[in-house]
Amino acid sequence: MSKREVDSYIANQSEPNKSNLKLMRQLILEIEPTLKQGIAYGIPAFKLDKDVVCGIAARKNGCSFYPFSGSVLAALRTDLVKYKQTKSALHFQTPLPKTLVRKLMTQRMVQIMVKKKRK
């Protein structure tokens, strides 16, 4: 995984997706600066050790945030009512609020820590 791959992915997007992805990337790294960047499943992803915390992607009709766990979106469903979503992604036209991204990432990182303790 490398930062350069993420730079390239974002640079190859058209506006406004390019700007939205840049802002989301900055936000994710402000929330958790220790995350490693790279490409996972064809999209920019942010890892804590070997586990993906979240990913972002440009899509035809905007951008998407992927928590890499279906239960994260379900757990925060009341915070997400005004957003379009699928089981695995939250869709947005403008960058998500920092407080929401923090909640999504925290939920996912707790899952990762619980999983590691079970091993």
N, C-alpha and C. Protein backbone atom coordinates (compact mmCIF):
# COMPACT_ATOMS: atom_id res chain seq x y z
N MET A 1 0.85 -1.19 0.00
CA MET A 1 0.00 0.00 0.00
C MET A 1 0.89 1.24 0.00
N SER A 2 0.50 2.22 -0.82
CA SER A 2 1.31 3.43 -0.83
C SER A 2 0.48 4.69 -1.05
N LYS A 3 0.98 5.76 -0.49
CA LYS A 3 0.36 7.07 -0.63
C LYS A 3 0.32 7.48 -2.10
N ARG A 4 1.35 7.12 -2.86
CA ARG A 4 1.41 7.49 -4.28
C ARG A 4 0.26 6.90 -5.08
N GLU A 5 -0.13 5.68 -4.74
CA GLU A 5 -1.27 5.06 -5.42
C GLU A 5 -2.55 5.86 -5.18
N VAL A 6 -2.71 6.33 -3.96
CA VAL A 6 -3.89 7.13 -3.61
C VAL A 6 -3.82 8.48 -4.33
N ASP A 7 -2.63 9.09 -4.35
CA ASP A 7 -2.44 10.35 -5.09
C ASP A 7 -2.88 10.18 -6.54
N SER A 8 -2.44 9.11 -7.16
CA SER A 8 -2.75 8.83 -8.56
C SER A 8 -4.25 8.61 -8.77
N TYR A 9 -4.87 7.82 -7.90
CA TYR A 9 -6.31 7.56 -8.00
C TYR A 9 -7.09 8.88 -7.96
N ILE A 10 -6.77 9.73 -6.99
CA ILE A 10 -7.49 11.00 -6.83
C ILE A 10 -7.21 11.93 -8.02
N ALA A 11 -5.96 12.00 -8.46
CA ALA A 11 -5.59 12.88 -9.58
C ALA A 11 -6.34 12.51 -10.86
N ASN A 12 -6.68 11.25 -11.02
CA ASN A 12 -7.36 10.79 -12.24
C ASN A 12 -8.87 10.99 -12.22
N GLN A 13 -9.41 11.57 -11.15
CA GLN A 13 -10.86 11.80 -11.07
C GLN A 13 -11.20 13.18 -11.63
N SER A 14 -12.44 13.32 -12.07
CA SER A 14 -12.90 14.63 -12.53
C SER A 14 -13.53 15.38 -11.36
N GLU A 15 -13.66 16.68 -11.52
CA GLU A 15 -14.31 17.50 -10.50
C GLU A 15 -15.82 17.28 -10.57
N PRO A 16 -16.55 17.37 -9.47
CA PRO A 16 -16.11 17.74 -8.13
C PRO A 16 -15.59 16.56 -7.31
N ASN A 17 -15.61 15.35 -7.89
CA ASN A 17 -15.16 14.17 -7.13
C ASN A 17 -13.72 14.31 -6.65
N LYS A 18 -12.85 14.86 -7.50
CA LYS A 18 -11.44 15.00 -7.12
C LYS A 18 -11.31 15.83 -5.85
N SER A 19 -11.95 16.98 -5.81
CA SER A 19 -11.88 17.84 -4.62
C SER A 19 -12.51 17.18 -3.40
N ASN A 20 -13.63 16.51 -3.60
CA ASN A 20 -14.30 15.83 -2.48
C ASN A 20 -13.42 14.73 -1.90
N LEU A 21 -12.76 13.96 -2.75
CA LEU A 21 -11.88 12.90 -2.27
C LEU A 21 -10.66 13.48 -1.54
N LYS A 22 -10.10 14.57 -2.06
CA LYS A 22 -8.96 15.21 -1.38
C LYS A 22 -9.36 15.65 0.02
N LEU A 23 -10.52 16.28 0.14
CA LEU A 23 -10.98 16.75 1.45
C LEU A 23 -11.28 15.59 2.39
N MET A 24 -11.88 14.52 1.88
CA MET A 24 -12.18 13.36 2.73
C MET A 24 -10.90 12.69 3.20
N ARG A 25 -9.93 12.58 2.32
CA ARG A 25 -8.64 11.99 2.69
C ARG A 25 -8.00 12.81 3.82
N GLN A 26 -7.99 14.12 3.65
CA GLN A 26 -7.42 15.01 4.67
C GLN A 26 -8.15 14.84 6.00
N LEU A 27 -9.45 14.76 5.95
CA LEU A 27 -10.27 14.60 7.15
C LEU A 27 -9.97 13.28 7.86
N ILE A 28 -9.92 12.20 7.10
CA ILE A 28 -9.63 10.87 7.66
C ILE A 28 -8.27 10.88 8.37
N LEU A 29 -7.28 11.49 7.73
CA LEU A 29 -5.93 11.51 8.31
C LEU A 29 -5.81 12.49 9.48
N GLU A 30 -6.66 13.51 9.52
CA GLU A 30 -6.71 14.39 10.70
C GLU A 30 -7.26 13.63 11.89
N ILE A 31 -8.28 12.82 11.64
CA ILE A 31 -8.92 12.05 12.71
C ILE A 31 -7.97 10.97 13.24
N GLU A 32 -7.28 10.28 12.35
CA GLU A 32 -6.36 9.21 12.78
C GLU A 32 -5.09 9.27 11.91
N PRO A 33 -4.12 10.10 12.30
CA PRO A 33 -2.90 10.29 11.50
C PRO A 33 -2.04 9.05 11.32
N THR A 34 -2.20 8.03 12.14
CA THR A 34 -1.35 6.84 12.05
C THR A 34 -1.79 5.86 10.97
N LEU A 35 -2.92 6.11 10.33
CA LEU A 35 -3.41 5.18 9.31
C LEU A 35 -2.47 5.17 8.11
N LYS A 36 -2.30 3.99 7.53
CA LYS A 36 -1.50 3.83 6.32
C LYS A 36 -2.44 3.90 5.11
N GLN A 37 -1.98 4.58 4.05
CA GLN A 37 -2.79 4.76 2.85
C GLN A 37 -2.37 3.80 1.75
N GLY A 38 -3.32 3.42 0.94
CA GLY A 38 -3.04 2.59 -0.21
C GLY A 38 -4.32 2.26 -0.95
N ILE A 39 -4.22 1.35 -1.87
CA ILE A 39 -5.38 0.92 -2.64
C ILE A 39 -5.78 -0.48 -2.17
N ALA A 40 -7.05 -0.65 -1.87
CA ALA A 40 -7.61 -1.96 -1.51
C ALA A 40 -8.92 -2.10 -2.26
N TYR A 41 -9.11 -3.21 -2.91
CA TYR A 41 -10.31 -3.45 -3.71
C TYR A 41 -10.53 -2.35 -4.74
N GLY A 42 -9.43 -1.78 -5.25
CA GLY A 42 -9.50 -0.79 -6.31
C GLY A 42 -9.81 0.63 -5.88
N ILE A 43 -9.89 0.88 -4.56
CA ILE A 43 -10.21 2.23 -4.08
C ILE A 43 -9.20 2.67 -3.01
N PRO A 44 -9.05 3.98 -2.79
CA PRO A 44 -8.20 4.45 -1.71
C PRO A 44 -8.69 3.92 -0.37
N ALA A 45 -7.77 3.34 0.39
CA ALA A 45 -8.13 2.73 1.67
C ALA A 45 -7.14 3.18 2.74
N PHE A 46 -7.60 3.11 3.98
CA PHE A 46 -6.82 3.57 5.12
C PHE A 46 -6.79 2.45 6.14
N LYS A 47 -5.56 1.96 6.43
CA LYS A 47 -5.40 0.78 7.27
C LYS A 47 -4.81 1.09 8.63
N LEU A 48 -5.27 0.32 9.59
CA LEU A 48 -4.70 0.29 10.94
C LEU A 48 -4.06 -1.08 11.04
N ASP A 49 -2.73 -1.12 11.03
CA ASP A 49 -2.00 -2.39 10.92
C ASP A 49 -2.42 -3.07 9.62
N LYS A 50 -3.02 -4.26 9.70
CA LYS A 50 -3.41 -4.98 8.49
C LYS A 50 -4.89 -4.86 8.16
N ASP A 51 -5.64 -4.17 9.00
CA ASP A 51 -7.09 -4.07 8.83
C ASP A 51 -7.49 -2.73 8.22
N VAL A 52 -8.38 -2.78 7.22
CA VAL A 52 -8.87 -1.56 6.59
C VAL A 52 -9.92 -0.92 7.50
N VAL A 53 -9.70 0.34 7.84
CA VAL A 53 -10.64 1.10 8.66
C VAL A 53 -11.73 1.69 7.77
N CYS A 54 -11.31 2.26 6.63
CA CYS A 54 -12.29 2.84 5.72
C CYS A 54 -11.67 3.05 4.35
N GLY A 55 -12.54 3.31 3.40
CA GLY A 55 -12.11 3.62 2.05
C GLY A 55 -13.01 4.69 1.47
N ILE A 56 -12.51 5.34 0.42
CA ILE A 56 -13.29 6.36 -0.28
C ILE A 56 -13.18 6.09 -1.77
N ALA A 57 -14.20 6.46 -2.51
CA ALA A 57 -14.17 6.20 -3.94
C ALA A 57 -15.00 7.21 -4.70
N ALA A 58 -14.58 7.47 -5.94
CA ALA A 58 -15.37 8.29 -6.85
C ALA A 58 -16.30 7.36 -7.61
N ARG A 59 -17.52 7.77 -7.75
CA ARG A 59 -18.52 7.01 -8.50
C ARG A 59 -19.18 7.94 -9.52
N LYS A 60 -19.96 7.39 -10.39
CA LYS A 60 -20.60 8.16 -11.46
C LYS A 60 -21.41 9.34 -10.91
N ASN A 61 -22.13 9.12 -9.84
CA ASN A 61 -23.02 10.14 -9.30
C ASN A 61 -22.52 10.75 -7.99
N GLY A 62 -21.21 10.81 -7.79
CA GLY A 62 -20.66 11.38 -6.56
C GLY A 62 -19.58 10.50 -5.99
N CYS A 63 -19.44 10.54 -4.68
CA CYS A 63 -18.41 9.77 -3.99
C CYS A 63 -19.04 8.86 -2.95
N SER A 64 -18.25 7.91 -2.48
CA SER A 64 -18.73 6.97 -1.47
C SER A 64 -17.68 6.78 -0.38
N PHE A 65 -18.18 6.53 0.83
CA PHE A 65 -17.35 6.22 1.99
C PHE A 65 -17.65 4.77 2.36
N TYR A 66 -16.62 3.95 2.47
CA TYR A 66 -16.77 2.53 2.78
C TYR A 66 -16.16 2.23 4.15
N PRO A 67 -16.95 1.79 5.12
CA PRO A 67 -16.39 1.44 6.43
C PRO A 67 -15.82 0.01 6.47
N PHE A 68 -15.88 -0.72 5.37
CA PHE A 68 -15.37 -2.08 5.28
C PHE A 68 -15.97 -3.00 6.33
N SER A 69 -17.20 -2.72 6.71
CA SER A 69 -17.97 -3.57 7.62
C SER A 69 -19.43 -3.15 7.52
N GLY A 70 -20.28 -4.06 7.13
CA GLY A 70 -21.70 -3.76 7.00
C GLY A 70 -22.36 -3.35 8.29
N SER A 71 -21.84 -3.80 9.41
CA SER A 71 -22.48 -3.49 10.68
C SER A 71 -22.21 -2.06 11.15
N VAL A 72 -21.20 -1.39 10.61
CA VAL A 72 -20.91 -0.01 11.01
C VAL A 72 -22.06 0.92 10.62
N LEU A 73 -22.49 0.82 9.37
CA LEU A 73 -23.59 1.69 8.92
C LEU A 73 -24.87 1.37 9.68
N ALA A 74 -25.12 0.10 9.92
CA ALA A 74 -26.32 -0.30 10.66
C ALA A 74 -26.28 0.25 12.09
N ALA A 75 -25.12 0.23 12.72
CA ALA A 75 -24.99 0.69 14.10
C ALA A 75 -25.22 2.20 14.23
N LEU A 76 -24.93 2.92 13.16
CA LEU A 76 -25.07 4.39 13.19
C LEU A 76 -26.23 4.87 12.33
N ARG A 77 -27.20 4.02 12.12
CA ARG A 77 -28.30 4.32 11.18
C ARG A 77 -29.01 5.63 11.50
N THR A 78 -29.18 5.99 12.77
CA THR A 78 -29.88 7.24 13.10
C THR A 78 -29.06 8.47 12.69
N ASP A 79 -27.75 8.35 12.65
CA ASP A 79 -26.89 9.46 12.21
C ASP A 79 -26.86 9.59 10.69
N LEU A 80 -27.33 8.56 10.00
CA LEU A 80 -27.17 8.49 8.54
C LEU A 80 -28.46 8.67 7.75
N VAL A 81 -29.54 9.01 8.41
CA VAL A 81 -30.85 9.04 7.74
C VAL A 81 -30.91 9.98 6.54
N LYS A 82 -30.14 11.04 6.54
CA LYS A 82 -30.22 11.98 5.41
C LYS A 82 -29.27 11.65 4.26
N TYR A 83 -28.57 10.53 4.37
CA TYR A 83 -27.63 10.13 3.32
C TYR A 83 -28.12 8.91 2.57
N LYS A 84 -27.84 8.88 1.26
CA LYS A 84 -28.10 7.67 0.48
C LYS A 84 -27.03 6.66 0.86
N GLN A 85 -27.45 5.39 0.91
CA GLN A 85 -26.49 4.36 1.26
C GLN A 85 -26.90 3.00 0.73
N THR A 86 -25.93 2.13 0.69
CA THR A 86 -26.16 0.71 0.42
C THR A 86 -25.73 -0.01 1.69
N LYS A 87 -25.73 -1.34 1.66
CA LYS A 87 -25.29 -2.09 2.84
C LYS A 87 -23.84 -1.78 3.21
N SER A 88 -23.03 -1.46 2.20
CA SER A 88 -21.60 -1.32 2.45
C SER A 88 -21.03 0.08 2.24
N ALA A 89 -21.84 1.03 1.78
CA ALA A 89 -21.30 2.36 1.46
C ALA A 89 -22.27 3.48 1.78
N LEU A 90 -21.67 4.61 2.09
CA LEU A 90 -22.41 5.84 2.34
C LEU A 90 -22.06 6.78 1.18
N HIS A 91 -23.08 7.28 0.48
CA HIS A 91 -22.85 8.10 -0.72
C HIS A 91 -22.98 9.58 -0.38
N PHE A 92 -22.14 10.40 -1.01
CA PHE A 92 -22.17 11.84 -0.72
C PHE A 92 -21.79 12.66 -1.94
N GLN A 93 -22.32 13.87 -1.99
CA GLN A 93 -22.02 14.84 -3.05
C GLN A 93 -21.03 15.90 -2.57
N THR A 94 -21.01 16.12 -1.25
CA THR A 94 -20.06 17.03 -0.62
C THR A 94 -19.43 16.26 0.55
N PRO A 95 -18.23 16.64 0.96
CA PRO A 95 -17.57 15.89 2.04
C PRO A 95 -18.46 15.74 3.27
N LEU A 96 -18.37 14.58 3.89
CA LEU A 96 -19.14 14.30 5.10
C LEU A 96 -18.62 15.14 6.26
N PRO A 97 -19.49 15.48 7.22
CA PRO A 97 -19.03 16.24 8.39
C PRO A 97 -17.99 15.45 9.20
N LYS A 98 -17.04 16.18 9.76
CA LYS A 98 -15.96 15.55 10.53
C LYS A 98 -16.50 14.71 11.68
N THR A 99 -17.54 15.20 12.37
CA THR A 99 -18.08 14.44 13.50
C THR A 99 -18.65 13.10 13.05
N LEU A 100 -19.27 13.07 11.88
CA LEU A 100 -19.82 11.82 11.36
C LEU A 100 -18.70 10.87 10.95
N VAL A 101 -17.70 11.38 10.26
CA VAL A 101 -16.57 10.54 9.84
C VAL A 101 -15.88 9.96 11.08
N ARG A 102 -15.72 10.77 12.11
CA ARG A 102 -15.10 10.30 13.35
C ARG A 102 -15.92 9.15 13.96
N LYS A 103 -17.25 9.29 13.98
CA LYS A 103 -18.11 8.22 14.52
C LYS A 103 -17.97 6.95 13.70
N LEU A 104 -17.99 7.08 12.38
CA LEU A 104 -17.86 5.91 11.51
C LEU A 104 -16.52 5.21 11.73
N MET A 105 -15.46 5.99 11.76
CA MET A 105 -14.13 5.41 11.93
C MET A 105 -13.95 4.80 13.32
N THR A 106 -14.47 5.46 14.34
CA THR A 106 -14.36 4.93 15.70
C THR A 106 -15.09 3.60 15.81
N GLN A 107 -16.28 3.53 15.25
CA GLN A 107 -17.05 2.29 15.28
C GLN A 107 -16.25 1.15 14.63
N ARG A 108 -15.65 1.45 13.49
CA ARG A 108 -14.87 0.43 12.78
C ARG A 108 -13.60 0.05 13.55
N MET A 109 -12.91 1.03 14.12
CA MET A 109 -11.68 0.73 14.85
C MET A 109 -11.96 -0.08 16.11
N VAL A 110 -13.08 0.16 16.75
CA VAL A 110 -13.48 -0.66 17.91
C VAL A 110 -13.69 -2.10 17.45
N GLN A 111 -14.36 -2.30 16.32
CA GLN A 111 -14.56 -3.65 15.79
C GLN A 111 -13.22 -4.35 15.56
N ILE A 112 -12.28 -3.62 14.99
CA ILE A 112 -10.96 -4.19 14.70
C ILE A 112 -10.26 -4.60 16.00
N MET A 113 -10.32 -3.74 17.01
CA MET A 113 -9.67 -4.05 18.30
C MET A 113 -10.32 -5.25 18.98
N VAL A 114 -11.63 -5.33 18.94
CA VAL A 114 -12.35 -6.47 19.54
C VAL A 114 -11.94 -7.76 18.82
N LYS A 115 -11.87 -7.71 17.50
CA LYS A 115 -11.47 -8.88 16.71
C LYS A 115 -10.07 -9.34 17.10
N LYS A 116 -9.16 -8.39 17.28
CA LYS A 116 -7.78 -8.73 17.63
C LYS A 116 -7.69 -9.35 19.02
N LYS A 117 -8.51 -8.88 19.95
CA LYS A 117 -8.49 -9.43 21.32
C LYS A 117 -9.00 -10.86 21.35
N ARG A 118 -9.87 -11.21 20.42
CA ARG A 118 -10.43 -12.57 20.37
C ARG A 118 -9.42 -13.58 19.86
N LYS A 119 -8.41 -13.11 19.15
CA LYS A 119 -7.42 -14.03 18.56
C LYS A 119 -6.49 -14.59 19.60
